[in-house]
C-alpha atoms as a PDB file:
ATOM      1  CA  MET A   1      73.652 -41.171  63.852  1.00  0.00           C
ATOM      2  CA  LYS A   2      73.242 -44.489  60.575  1.00  0.00           C
ATOM      3  CA  THR A   3      72.163 -47.584  61.035  1.00  0.00           C
ATOM      4  CA  LEU A   4      71.594 -50.476  58.286  1.00  0.00           C
ATOM      5  CA  ILE A   5      67.142 -51.604  58.075  1.00  0.00           C
ATOM      6  CA  ILE A   6      67.327 -54.294  55.679  1.00  0.00           C
ATOM      7  CA  ILE A   7      63.153 -55.036  54.308  1.00  0.00           C
ATOM      8  CA  LYS A   8      63.366 -59.464  53.729  1.00  0.00           C
ATOM      9  CA  PRO A   9      62.115 -61.804  50.968  1.00  0.00           C
ATOM     10  CA  SER A  10      58.624 -62.339  52.664  1.00  0.00           C
ATOM     11  CA  ALA A  11      57.791 -58.276  53.274  1.00  0.00           C
ATOM     12  CA  VAL A  12      59.073 -57.809  49.031  1.00  0.00           C
ATOM     13  CA  GLU A  13      57.217 -60.257  47.505  1.00  0.00           C
ATOM     14  CA  ARG A  14      53.521 -59.091  49.693  1.00  0.00           C
ATOM     15  CA  GLY A  15      54.899 -55.666  47.866  1.00  0.00           C
ATOM     16  CA  ILE A  16      54.473 -53.805  51.344  1.00  0.00           C
ATOM     17  CA  ILE A  17      58.298 -51.717  50.705  1.00  0.00           C
ATOM     18  CA  GLY A  18      56.238 -48.520  51.116  1.00  0.00           C
ATOM     19  CA  GLU A  19      54.431 -48.795  54.148  1.00  0.00           C
ATOM     20  CA  ILE A  20      56.931 -49.846  55.842  1.00  0.00           C
ATOM     21  CA  LEU A  21      59.921 -47.383  54.575  1.00  0.00           C
ATOM     22  CA  SER A  22      56.848 -44.398  55.382  1.00  0.00           C
ATOM     23  CA  ARG A  23      57.010 -45.549  58.898  1.00  0.00           C
ATOM     24  CA  PHE A  24      60.031 -44.384  59.557  1.00  0.00           C
ATOM     25  CA  GLU A  25      59.875 -41.078  57.679  1.00  0.00           C
ATOM     26  CA  ARG A  26      56.507 -40.525  59.476  1.00  0.00           C
ATOM     27  CA  GLN A  27      59.187 -40.134  62.355  1.00  0.00           C
ATOM     28  CA  GLY A  28      61.654 -38.113  60.584  1.00  0.00           C
ATOM     29  CA  ILE A  29      64.382 -40.209  60.182  1.00  0.00           C
ATOM     30  CA  ARG A  30      65.897 -40.078  56.717  1.00  0.00           C
ATOM     31  CA  ILE A  31      66.569 -42.060  54.177  1.00  0.00           C
ATOM     32  CA  SER A  32      70.628 -41.747  53.351  1.00  0.00           C
ATOM     33  CA  ALA A  33      71.317 -44.682  51.323  1.00  0.00           C
ATOM     34  CA  LEU A  34      69.261 -47.109  49.713  1.00  0.00           C
ATOM     35  CA  ARG A  35      68.832 -49.795  46.581  1.00  0.00           C
ATOM     36  CA  ILE A  36      66.938 -52.785  45.704  1.00  0.00           C
ATOM     37  CA  ILE A  37      69.080 -56.370  45.401  1.00  0.00           C
ATOM     38  CA  ASN A  38      69.683 -59.888  45.527  1.00  0.00           C
ATOM     39  CA  MET A  39      71.482 -60.710  48.204  1.00  0.00           C
ATOM     40  CA  SER A  40      74.440 -62.773  48.009  1.00  0.00           C
ATOM     41  CA  LYS A  41      75.087 -65.947  49.904  1.00  0.00           C
ATOM     42  CA  LYS A  42      78.402 -64.651  50.743  1.00  0.00           C
ATOM     43  CA  GLN A  43      76.736 -61.315  52.360  1.00  0.00           C
ATOM     44  CA  ALA A  44      73.387 -63.128  54.273  1.00  0.00           C
ATOM     45  CA  GLU A  45      76.747 -65.156  56.261  1.00  0.00           C
ATOM     46  CA  LYS A  46      78.715 -61.689  57.017  1.00  0.00           C
ATOM     47  CA  LEU A  47      75.718 -60.067  58.084  1.00  0.00           C
ATOM     48  CA  TYR A  48      73.625 -63.244  60.082  1.00  0.00           C
ATOM     49  CA  ALA A  49      78.157 -64.618  61.174  1.00  0.00           C
ATOM     50  CA  VAL A  50      76.954 -64.300  64.958  1.00  0.00           C
ATOM     51  CA  HIS A  51      74.344 -67.252  64.831  1.00  0.00           C
ATOM     52  CA  LYS A  52      76.617 -69.161  62.896  1.00  0.00           C
ATOM     53  CA  GLY A  53      75.793 -72.910  64.352  1.00  0.00           C
ATOM     54  CA  LYS A  54      72.528 -71.762  65.472  1.00  0.00           C
ATOM     55  CA  GLN A  55      69.339 -74.244  64.834  1.00  0.00           C
ATOM     56  CA  PHE A  56      67.796 -71.747  62.568  1.00  0.00           C
ATOM     57  CA  TYR A  57      70.993 -70.310  60.578  1.00  0.00           C
ATOM     58  CA  ASN A  58      70.924 -72.246  57.698  1.00  0.00           C
ATOM     59  CA  LYS A  59      67.037 -71.660  57.078  1.00  0.00           C
ATOM     60  CA  LEU A  60      67.783 -68.335  57.637  1.00  0.00           C
ATOM     61  CA  ILE A  61      71.000 -67.971  54.815  1.00  0.00           C
ATOM     62  CA  GLU A  62      68.608 -69.499  52.604  1.00  0.00           C
ATOM     63  CA  HIS A  63      65.199 -67.233  53.173  1.00  0.00           C
ATOM     64  CA  MET A  64      67.721 -63.977  52.627  1.00  0.00           C
ATOM     65  CA  THR A  65      68.691 -65.222  49.702  1.00  0.00           C
ATOM     66  CA  SER A  66      65.717 -66.970  48.154  1.00  0.00           C
ATOM     67  CA  TYR A  67      64.352 -63.330  46.514  1.00  0.00           C
ATOM     68  CA  PRO A  68      64.868 -59.855  46.344  1.00  0.00           C
ATOM     69  CA  VAL A  69      65.203 -57.340  49.481  1.00  0.00           C
ATOM     70  CA  VAL A  70      65.730 -53.983  50.290  1.00  0.00           C
ATOM     71  CA  VAL A  71      68.963 -52.442  52.295  1.00  0.00           C
ATOM     72  CA  ALA A  72      68.918 -48.945  53.141  1.00  0.00           C
ATOM     73  CA  VAL A  73      70.590 -46.612  55.146  1.00  0.00           C
ATOM     74  CA  LEU A  74      68.770 -45.032  57.864  1.00  0.00           C
ATOM     75  CA  ASP A  75      69.996 -41.074  59.258  1.00  0.00           C
ATOM     76  CA  VAL A  76      68.546 -41.075  62.247  1.00  0.00           C
ATOM     77  CA  ASP A  77      69.158 -37.448  64.295  1.00  0.00           C
ATOM     78  CA  PHE A  78      69.733 -37.921  67.498  1.00  0.00           C
ATOM     79  CA  PRO A  79      72.676 -36.982  69.372  1.00  0.00           C
ATOM     80  CA  ASN A  80      73.005 -39.998  71.961  1.00  0.00           C
ATOM     81  CA  PRO A  81      73.093 -42.886  68.455  1.00  0.00           C
ATOM     82  CA  ASP A  82      71.756 -45.720  71.164  1.00  0.00           C
ATOM     83  CA  ASP A  83      68.684 -43.429  71.097  1.00  0.00           C
ATOM     84  CA  ALA A  84      69.175 -43.597  67.383  1.00  0.00           C
ATOM     85  CA  ILE A  85      68.921 -47.415  67.592  1.00  0.00           C
ATOM     86  CA  LYS A  86      66.584 -47.648  70.547  1.00  0.00           C
ATOM     87  CA  LEU A  87      63.786 -45.209  67.978  1.00  0.00           C
ATOM     88  CA  VAL A  88      64.483 -47.642  64.573  1.00  0.00           C
ATOM     89  CA  ARG A  89      63.795 -51.016  67.509  1.00  0.00           C
ATOM     90  CA  LYS A  90      60.818 -48.936  68.616  1.00  0.00           C
ATOM     91  CA  ILE A  91      59.608 -48.405  64.891  1.00  0.00           C
ATOM     92  CA  ILE A  92      59.897 -52.280  64.294  1.00  0.00           C
ATOM     93  CA  GLY A  93      58.786 -54.282  66.819  1.00  0.00           C
ATOM     94  CA  VAL A  94      60.090 -57.115  69.139  1.00  0.00           C
ATOM     95  CA  THR A  95      61.850 -60.223  66.637  1.00  0.00           C
ATOM     96  CA  ASN A  96      58.912 -62.690  66.898  1.00  0.00           C
ATOM     97  CA  PRO A  97      56.096 -60.616  65.083  1.00  0.00           C
ATOM     98  CA  LEU A  98      53.679 -62.849  67.679  1.00  0.00           C
ATOM     99  CA  GLU A  99      54.556 -60.812  70.242  1.00  0.00           C
ATOM    100  CA  ALA A 100      54.795 -57.529  68.899  1.00  0.00           C
ATOM    101  CA  ASP A 101      52.700 -54.302  69.599  1.00  0.00           C
ATOM    102  CA  MET A 102      50.838 -53.580  66.884  1.00  0.00           C
ATOM    103  CA  GLY A 103      51.397 -50.502  65.267  1.00  0.00           C
ATOM    104  CA  THR A 104      55.377 -52.361  64.659  1.00  0.00           C
ATOM    105  CA  ILE A 105      56.461 -52.919  61.449  1.00  0.00           C
ATOM    106  CA  ARG A 106      56.598 -56.881  62.620  1.00  0.00           C
ATOM    107  CA  GLY A 107      52.902 -56.178  64.787  1.00  0.00           C
ATOM    108  CA  ASP A 108      51.426 -55.185  61.949  1.00  0.00           C
ATOM    109  CA  PHE A 109      52.720 -57.385  58.712  1.00  0.00           C
ATOM    110  CA  GLY A 110      54.933 -59.606  60.162  1.00  0.00           C
ATOM    111  CA  LEU A 111      53.599 -63.256  59.787  1.00  0.00           C
ATOM    112  CA  ARG A 112      55.758 -65.566  62.353  1.00  0.00           C
ATOM    113  CA  ILE A 113      59.285 -65.075  63.196  1.00  0.00           C
ATOM    114  CA  ASP A 114      61.725 -66.801  60.327  1.00  0.00           C
ATOM    115  CA  ARG A 115      58.530 -64.410  58.407  1.00  0.00           C
ATOM    116  CA  ASN A 116      59.231 -61.124  60.525  1.00  0.00           C
ATOM    117  CA  ILE A 117      59.213 -58.342  57.747  1.00  0.00           C
ATOM    118  CA  ILE A 118      62.251 -56.594  58.504  1.00  0.00           C
ATOM    119  CA  HIS A 119      66.347 -56.750  60.158  1.00  0.00           C
ATOM    120  CA  ALA A 120      67.722 -53.765  62.308  1.00  0.00           C
ATOM    121  CA  SER A 121      71.030 -53.304  63.668  1.00  0.00           C
ATOM    122  CA  ASP A 122      70.164 -53.973  67.134  1.00  0.00           C
ATOM    123  CA  SER A 123      73.543 -51.305  68.281  1.00  0.00           C
ATOM    124  CA  VAL A 124      75.753 -49.181  67.188  1.00  0.00           C
ATOM    125  CA  GLU A 125      78.871 -51.718  66.776  1.00  0.00           C
ATOM    126  CA  SER A 126      76.397 -53.711  64.335  1.00  0.00           C
ATOM    127  CA  ALA A 127      75.654 -50.742  62.522  1.00  0.00           C
ATOM    128  CA  GLU A 128      79.468 -50.114  61.886  1.00  0.00           C
ATOM    129  CA  TYR A 129      79.643 -53.915  60.394  1.00  0.00           C
ATOM    130  CA  GLU A 130      76.126 -54.545  58.728  1.00  0.00           C
ATOM    131  CA  ILE A 131      76.642 -50.935  56.494  1.00  0.00           C
ATOM    132  CA  PRO A 132      79.337 -51.944  54.637  1.00  0.00           C
ATOM    133  CA  ILE A 133      78.229 -55.193  53.823  1.00  0.00           C
ATOM    134  CA  PHE A 134      76.391 -53.953  51.712  1.00  0.00           C
ATOM    135  CA  PHE A 135      77.119 -50.128  50.848  1.00  0.00           C
ATOM    136  CA  SER A 136      80.629 -47.681  50.367  1.00  0.00           C
ATOM    137  CA  LYS A 137      80.707 -44.489  52.130  1.00  0.00           C
ATOM    138  CA  GLU A 138      80.933 -42.409  49.010  1.00  0.00           C
ATOM    139  CA  GLU A 139      76.929 -43.905  48.469  1.00  0.00           C
ATOM    140  CA  PHE A 140      75.463 -42.339  51.392  1.00  0.00           C
ATOM    141  CA  VAL A 141      72.811 -38.936  50.579  1.00  0.00           C
ATOM    142  CA  THR A 142      73.397 -35.588  52.672  1.00  0.00           C
ATOM    143  CA  TYR A 143      70.688 -33.499  53.326  1.00  0.00           C
ATOM    144  CA  ASP A 144      71.607 -29.790  53.664  1.00  0.00           C
END
């Protein structure tokens, strides 16, 4: 199962990319595509279209386009795709870092809800929608 994560500007600026990625690798999750980009407004608006019209939408778009981000496709080897999404979400922690358990990425590194370090697809359908915003299938590496 492939899913998308984005290490947000606040984490890139703090220099904690390696620490975040290692959390997934230690769980046996492989990275099948990765790049550092300056997210365009068009990409951010497409990624967060579900939030359009909400109070925080404009600030979210502004934040995601304010500094480089790391976009990555994770390859989670689980028979049930929903379980793969759940594992990634468990590693990152709940959305609000103040409510996230210590030992999760957001619990350990998050500062506040609008600077919560990382984005991750929240469902199989979301992953299928989000990944092509940043990657083509030809860009995925395979591990044999």
